[in-house]
N, C-alpha and C. Protein backbone atom coordinates (compact mmCIF):
# COMPACT_ATOMS: atom_id res chain seq x y z
N MET A 1 -24.19 -22.46 -2.61
CA MET A 1 -23.18 -21.80 -1.82
C MET A 1 -23.08 -22.46 -0.47
N GLU A 2 -21.89 -22.47 0.07
CA GLU A 2 -21.67 -23.06 1.38
C GLU A 2 -21.85 -22.03 2.47
N SER A 3 -22.01 -22.50 3.68
CA SER A 3 -22.07 -21.61 4.82
C SER A 3 -20.68 -21.42 5.38
N VAL A 4 -20.38 -20.20 5.79
CA VAL A 4 -19.13 -19.90 6.47
C VAL A 4 -19.52 -19.52 7.89
N VAL A 5 -19.41 -20.47 8.78
CA VAL A 5 -19.81 -20.24 10.16
C VAL A 5 -18.57 -19.82 10.94
N THR A 6 -18.62 -18.61 11.50
CA THR A 6 -17.51 -18.13 12.28
C THR A 6 -17.74 -18.45 13.75
N GLN A 7 -16.68 -18.29 14.55
CA GLN A 7 -16.79 -18.60 15.98
C GLN A 7 -17.85 -17.76 16.65
N ASP A 8 -18.08 -16.56 16.15
CA ASP A 8 -19.04 -15.69 16.81
C ASP A 8 -20.44 -15.78 16.21
N ALA A 9 -20.72 -16.80 15.39
CA ALA A 9 -22.06 -16.96 14.84
C ALA A 9 -23.01 -17.35 15.97
N VAL A 10 -24.08 -16.60 16.10
CA VAL A 10 -25.06 -16.83 17.16
C VAL A 10 -26.25 -17.59 16.60
N VAL A 11 -26.70 -17.20 15.41
CA VAL A 11 -27.83 -17.85 14.75
C VAL A 11 -27.36 -18.37 13.40
N THR A 12 -28.09 -19.34 12.89
CA THR A 12 -27.83 -19.83 11.55
C THR A 12 -29.12 -19.68 10.75
N ILE A 13 -28.98 -19.69 9.44
CA ILE A 13 -30.16 -19.62 8.58
C ILE A 13 -30.13 -20.79 7.61
N THR A 14 -31.31 -21.28 7.28
CA THR A 14 -31.41 -22.39 6.34
C THR A 14 -31.20 -21.87 4.93
N GLU A 15 -31.00 -22.79 4.00
CA GLU A 15 -30.82 -22.40 2.60
C GLU A 15 -32.07 -21.70 2.07
N SER A 16 -33.24 -22.15 2.48
CA SER A 16 -34.49 -21.52 2.06
C SER A 16 -34.56 -20.07 2.54
N ALA A 17 -34.20 -19.83 3.79
CA ALA A 17 -34.19 -18.47 4.33
C ALA A 17 -33.16 -17.62 3.60
N ALA A 18 -31.99 -18.18 3.34
CA ALA A 18 -30.94 -17.44 2.65
C ALA A 18 -31.38 -17.04 1.24
N GLN A 19 -32.07 -17.92 0.54
CA GLN A 19 -32.56 -17.60 -0.80
C GLN A 19 -33.55 -16.44 -0.75
N GLN A 20 -34.45 -16.46 0.21
CA GLN A 20 -35.44 -15.38 0.34
C GLN A 20 -34.76 -14.07 0.69
N ILE A 21 -33.81 -14.10 1.61
CA ILE A 21 -33.10 -12.89 2.03
C ILE A 21 -32.29 -12.34 0.86
N ALA A 22 -31.61 -13.22 0.12
CA ALA A 22 -30.83 -12.78 -1.04
C ALA A 22 -31.73 -12.13 -2.08
N ALA A 23 -32.92 -12.67 -2.30
CA ALA A 23 -33.86 -12.09 -3.25
C ALA A 23 -34.31 -10.71 -2.78
N MET A 24 -34.54 -10.57 -1.49
CA MET A 24 -34.94 -9.27 -0.94
C MET A 24 -33.82 -8.25 -1.09
N LEU A 25 -32.60 -8.67 -0.82
CA LEU A 25 -31.45 -7.78 -0.98
C LEU A 25 -31.26 -7.36 -2.44
N ALA A 26 -31.46 -8.30 -3.35
CA ALA A 26 -31.26 -8.02 -4.78
C ALA A 26 -32.32 -7.06 -5.31
N SER A 27 -33.49 -7.04 -4.71
CA SER A 27 -34.57 -6.20 -5.21
C SER A 27 -34.51 -4.77 -4.69
N ASP A 28 -33.56 -4.47 -3.81
CA ASP A 28 -33.47 -3.13 -3.23
C ASP A 28 -32.01 -2.68 -3.19
N ALA A 29 -31.61 -1.84 -4.13
CA ALA A 29 -30.22 -1.40 -4.25
C ALA A 29 -29.74 -0.69 -2.98
N GLU A 30 -30.64 -0.09 -2.24
CA GLU A 30 -30.26 0.61 -1.01
C GLU A 30 -29.66 -0.33 0.03
N ASN A 31 -30.02 -1.61 -0.02
CA ASN A 31 -29.53 -2.59 0.96
C ASN A 31 -28.34 -3.40 0.45
N ALA A 32 -27.85 -3.10 -0.73
CA ALA A 32 -26.72 -3.85 -1.29
C ALA A 32 -25.54 -3.84 -0.33
N GLY A 33 -24.98 -5.01 -0.11
CA GLY A 33 -23.81 -5.15 0.76
C GLY A 33 -24.12 -5.22 2.24
N LYS A 34 -25.39 -5.14 2.61
CA LYS A 34 -25.74 -5.19 4.03
C LYS A 34 -26.00 -6.63 4.46
N SER A 35 -26.01 -6.82 5.75
CA SER A 35 -26.30 -8.13 6.35
C SER A 35 -27.70 -8.11 6.95
N LEU A 36 -28.19 -9.28 7.25
CA LEU A 36 -29.45 -9.39 7.98
C LEU A 36 -29.14 -9.25 9.45
N ARG A 37 -29.71 -8.24 10.09
CA ARG A 37 -29.56 -8.07 11.54
C ARG A 37 -30.78 -8.70 12.20
N VAL A 38 -30.54 -9.63 13.12
CA VAL A 38 -31.60 -10.28 13.88
C VAL A 38 -31.44 -9.81 15.32
N PHE A 39 -32.56 -9.39 15.92
CA PHE A 39 -32.47 -8.84 17.27
C PHE A 39 -33.72 -9.18 18.07
N VAL A 40 -33.61 -8.98 19.37
CA VAL A 40 -34.77 -9.11 20.26
C VAL A 40 -34.95 -7.79 20.98
N GLU A 41 -36.19 -7.50 21.32
CA GLU A 41 -36.51 -6.30 22.08
C GLU A 41 -37.72 -6.59 22.96
N ALA A 42 -37.90 -5.78 23.97
CA ALA A 42 -39.06 -5.95 24.84
C ALA A 42 -40.32 -5.68 24.04
N GLY A 43 -41.35 -6.50 24.29
CA GLY A 43 -42.62 -6.30 23.61
C GLY A 43 -43.23 -7.62 23.20
N GLY A 44 -44.26 -7.54 22.41
CA GLY A 44 -44.94 -8.75 21.97
C GLY A 44 -45.81 -9.32 23.07
N CYS A 45 -46.57 -10.32 22.75
CA CYS A 45 -47.52 -10.88 23.71
C CYS A 45 -46.85 -11.82 24.71
N SER A 46 -45.58 -12.17 24.51
CA SER A 46 -44.91 -13.08 25.45
C SER A 46 -43.76 -12.41 26.21
N GLY A 47 -43.55 -11.11 26.02
CA GLY A 47 -42.51 -10.41 26.77
C GLY A 47 -41.35 -9.92 25.94
N MET A 48 -40.89 -10.71 24.98
CA MET A 48 -39.80 -10.33 24.08
C MET A 48 -40.27 -10.61 22.66
N GLN A 49 -39.80 -9.81 21.71
CA GLN A 49 -40.16 -10.06 20.32
C GLN A 49 -38.93 -9.99 19.43
N TYR A 50 -39.00 -10.73 18.33
CA TYR A 50 -37.92 -10.77 17.35
C TYR A 50 -38.07 -9.63 16.36
N GLY A 51 -36.95 -9.20 15.82
CA GLY A 51 -36.95 -8.23 14.74
C GLY A 51 -35.85 -8.58 13.75
N MET A 52 -36.05 -8.19 12.51
CA MET A 52 -35.04 -8.40 11.47
C MET A 52 -35.02 -7.18 10.56
N VAL A 53 -33.82 -6.67 10.28
CA VAL A 53 -33.64 -5.55 9.36
C VAL A 53 -32.33 -5.76 8.61
N PHE A 54 -32.18 -5.08 7.49
CA PHE A 54 -30.91 -5.08 6.79
C PHE A 54 -30.07 -3.94 7.35
N ASP A 55 -28.81 -4.24 7.68
CA ASP A 55 -27.98 -3.26 8.38
C ASP A 55 -26.51 -3.54 8.12
N GLU A 56 -25.68 -2.55 8.43
CA GLU A 56 -24.22 -2.69 8.37
C GLU A 56 -23.77 -3.41 9.64
N ARG A 57 -22.67 -4.14 9.52
CA ARG A 57 -22.10 -4.79 10.70
C ARG A 57 -21.42 -3.75 11.57
N ARG A 58 -21.63 -3.85 12.88
CA ARG A 58 -21.01 -2.95 13.86
C ARG A 58 -19.87 -3.68 14.55
N PRO A 59 -18.93 -2.94 15.13
CA PRO A 59 -17.74 -3.56 15.73
C PRO A 59 -18.03 -4.63 16.78
N ASP A 60 -19.10 -4.47 17.57
CA ASP A 60 -19.36 -5.45 18.64
C ASP A 60 -20.35 -6.55 18.22
N ASP A 61 -20.76 -6.56 16.96
CA ASP A 61 -21.69 -7.58 16.48
C ASP A 61 -21.05 -8.96 16.43
N LEU A 62 -21.90 -9.97 16.57
CA LEU A 62 -21.52 -11.36 16.37
C LEU A 62 -22.22 -11.81 15.11
N GLY A 63 -21.60 -12.71 14.35
CA GLY A 63 -22.29 -13.14 13.13
C GLY A 63 -21.53 -14.14 12.31
N GLY A 64 -22.06 -14.39 11.14
CA GLY A 64 -21.48 -15.34 10.21
C GLY A 64 -22.11 -15.16 8.85
N GLU A 65 -21.68 -15.97 7.92
CA GLU A 65 -22.25 -15.95 6.58
C GLU A 65 -22.78 -17.35 6.27
N PHE A 66 -24.02 -17.40 5.79
CA PHE A 66 -24.69 -18.66 5.54
C PHE A 66 -25.28 -18.64 4.14
N HIS A 67 -24.85 -19.54 3.30
CA HIS A 67 -25.36 -19.64 1.93
C HIS A 67 -25.26 -18.30 1.21
N GLY A 68 -24.17 -17.57 1.48
CA GLY A 68 -23.93 -16.29 0.81
C GLY A 68 -24.59 -15.09 1.45
N VAL A 69 -25.26 -15.26 2.58
CA VAL A 69 -25.96 -14.16 3.25
C VAL A 69 -25.32 -13.92 4.61
N GLY A 70 -24.94 -12.67 4.87
CA GLY A 70 -24.39 -12.31 6.17
C GLY A 70 -25.50 -12.13 7.19
N VAL A 71 -25.25 -12.61 8.41
CA VAL A 71 -26.21 -12.48 9.51
C VAL A 71 -25.45 -11.94 10.72
N VAL A 72 -25.98 -10.86 11.33
CA VAL A 72 -25.34 -10.28 12.50
C VAL A 72 -26.35 -10.17 13.65
N VAL A 73 -25.81 -10.23 14.86
CA VAL A 73 -26.62 -10.15 16.08
C VAL A 73 -25.84 -9.30 17.08
N ASP A 74 -26.53 -8.36 17.72
CA ASP A 74 -25.87 -7.54 18.74
C ASP A 74 -25.66 -8.38 20.00
N PRO A 75 -24.72 -7.97 20.87
CA PRO A 75 -24.43 -8.76 22.08
C PRO A 75 -25.63 -8.96 23.00
N PHE A 76 -26.50 -7.96 23.18
CA PHE A 76 -27.68 -8.11 24.03
C PHE A 76 -28.58 -9.22 23.48
N SER A 77 -28.88 -9.16 22.19
CA SER A 77 -29.76 -10.15 21.58
C SER A 77 -29.13 -11.54 21.57
N ALA A 78 -27.80 -11.59 21.47
CA ALA A 78 -27.10 -12.88 21.44
C ALA A 78 -27.40 -13.69 22.69
N ASN A 79 -27.58 -13.01 23.82
CA ASN A 79 -27.88 -13.72 25.07
C ASN A 79 -29.18 -14.50 24.98
N TYR A 80 -30.12 -14.04 24.18
CA TYR A 80 -31.43 -14.68 24.04
C TYR A 80 -31.52 -15.59 22.82
N MET A 81 -30.62 -15.41 21.85
CA MET A 81 -30.79 -16.09 20.56
C MET A 81 -29.75 -17.16 20.24
N ARG A 82 -28.75 -17.33 21.07
CA ARG A 82 -27.67 -18.28 20.76
C ARG A 82 -28.23 -19.66 20.44
N GLY A 83 -27.84 -20.19 19.28
CA GLY A 83 -28.28 -21.52 18.86
C GLY A 83 -29.55 -21.52 18.02
N SER A 84 -30.13 -20.34 17.77
CA SER A 84 -31.38 -20.26 17.00
C SER A 84 -31.14 -20.53 15.52
N VAL A 85 -32.18 -21.05 14.87
CA VAL A 85 -32.15 -21.31 13.43
C VAL A 85 -33.31 -20.56 12.79
N ILE A 86 -33.01 -19.81 11.74
CA ILE A 86 -34.05 -19.07 11.01
C ILE A 86 -34.34 -19.82 9.72
N ASP A 87 -35.61 -20.09 9.49
CA ASP A 87 -36.06 -20.79 8.29
C ASP A 87 -37.08 -19.92 7.57
N PHE A 88 -37.38 -20.27 6.33
CA PHE A 88 -38.40 -19.56 5.56
C PHE A 88 -39.27 -20.58 4.83
N SER A 89 -40.57 -20.33 4.86
CA SER A 89 -41.51 -21.16 4.12
C SER A 89 -42.42 -20.24 3.33
N ASP A 90 -42.69 -20.61 2.07
CA ASP A 90 -43.60 -19.80 1.26
C ASP A 90 -45.00 -20.41 1.22
N ALA A 91 -45.34 -21.20 2.22
CA ALA A 91 -46.67 -21.81 2.31
C ALA A 91 -47.73 -20.73 2.44
N LEU A 92 -48.90 -20.99 1.89
CA LEU A 92 -50.00 -20.04 1.97
C LEU A 92 -50.44 -19.80 3.41
N THR A 93 -50.46 -20.85 4.19
CA THR A 93 -50.84 -20.72 5.60
C THR A 93 -49.61 -20.93 6.46
N GLY A 94 -49.33 -19.99 7.32
CA GLY A 94 -48.19 -20.13 8.22
C GLY A 94 -46.85 -19.91 7.56
N GLY A 95 -46.83 -19.31 6.37
CA GLY A 95 -45.57 -19.06 5.68
C GLY A 95 -44.84 -17.87 6.27
N GLY A 96 -43.62 -17.66 5.81
CA GLY A 96 -42.79 -16.54 6.25
C GLY A 96 -41.57 -17.05 6.98
N PHE A 97 -40.88 -16.14 7.64
CA PHE A 97 -39.70 -16.50 8.40
C PHE A 97 -40.12 -17.08 9.74
N LYS A 98 -39.44 -18.13 10.15
CA LYS A 98 -39.69 -18.78 11.43
C LYS A 98 -38.36 -18.88 12.18
N ILE A 99 -38.39 -18.57 13.45
CA ILE A 99 -37.19 -18.66 14.28
C ILE A 99 -37.38 -19.78 15.29
N ASN A 100 -36.51 -20.77 15.22
CA ASN A 100 -36.51 -21.87 16.17
C ASN A 100 -35.44 -21.53 17.22
N ASN A 101 -35.89 -21.09 18.38
CA ASN A 101 -35.00 -20.61 19.43
C ASN A 101 -35.00 -21.60 20.59
N PRO A 102 -33.86 -22.29 20.80
CA PRO A 102 -33.80 -23.27 21.90
C PRO A 102 -33.83 -22.62 23.28
N ASN A 103 -33.65 -21.30 23.36
CA ASN A 103 -33.64 -20.60 24.64
C ASN A 103 -35.01 -20.09 25.05
N ALA A 104 -35.99 -20.16 24.16
CA ALA A 104 -37.33 -19.67 24.48
C ALA A 104 -38.05 -20.68 25.36
N HIS A 105 -38.54 -20.21 26.49
CA HIS A 105 -39.29 -21.09 27.39
C HIS A 105 -40.72 -21.26 26.90
N SER A 106 -41.25 -20.20 26.28
CA SER A 106 -42.56 -20.27 25.67
C SER A 106 -42.62 -19.25 24.56
N SER A 107 -43.52 -19.45 23.62
CA SER A 107 -43.71 -18.49 22.53
C SER A 107 -45.18 -18.36 22.24
N CYS A 108 -45.52 -17.30 21.57
CA CYS A 108 -46.94 -17.07 21.26
C CYS A 108 -47.30 -17.74 19.94
N GLY A 109 -48.55 -17.74 19.62
CA GLY A 109 -49.04 -18.38 18.39
C GLY A 109 -48.53 -17.73 17.13
N CYS A 110 -48.22 -16.42 17.17
CA CYS A 110 -47.77 -15.75 15.95
C CYS A 110 -46.32 -16.08 15.62
N GLY A 111 -45.55 -16.59 16.59
CA GLY A 111 -44.16 -16.96 16.35
C GLY A 111 -43.20 -15.78 16.35
N LYS A 112 -43.67 -14.59 16.68
CA LYS A 112 -42.81 -13.42 16.67
C LYS A 112 -42.42 -12.95 18.06
N SER A 113 -42.97 -13.57 19.09
CA SER A 113 -42.57 -13.19 20.45
C SER A 113 -42.37 -14.46 21.29
N PHE A 114 -41.63 -14.26 22.40
CA PHE A 114 -41.26 -15.40 23.24
C PHE A 114 -40.94 -14.90 24.64
N SER A 115 -40.80 -15.83 25.56
CA SER A 115 -40.28 -15.50 26.89
C SER A 115 -39.08 -16.38 27.13
N ALA A 116 -38.12 -15.80 27.82
CA ALA A 116 -36.88 -16.54 28.08
C ALA A 116 -36.72 -16.85 29.55
């Protein structure tokens, strides 16, 4: 599947991440038709932390569709995440979702928090 990047796309996801997200969506009927919401909030060991949930798109959300998976970001989080790429690795060590955020000045070892 191709990516449909809209003007308001803040983050992109790799094909590997899209496959994992699609599998997660397919395994839970409650999330059918929802998008991946990526957000930041205060917390974590570096000041801000990432979060991801399946959610409906809201009127003020920014987003796009990548490899058949919808991704949305709220306007507050967009300020911190613009240009980020989400990848997925199933490696035994260090596997999982990884966010490469060009706006992060520093990040912690766990990869789930950052400072901007």
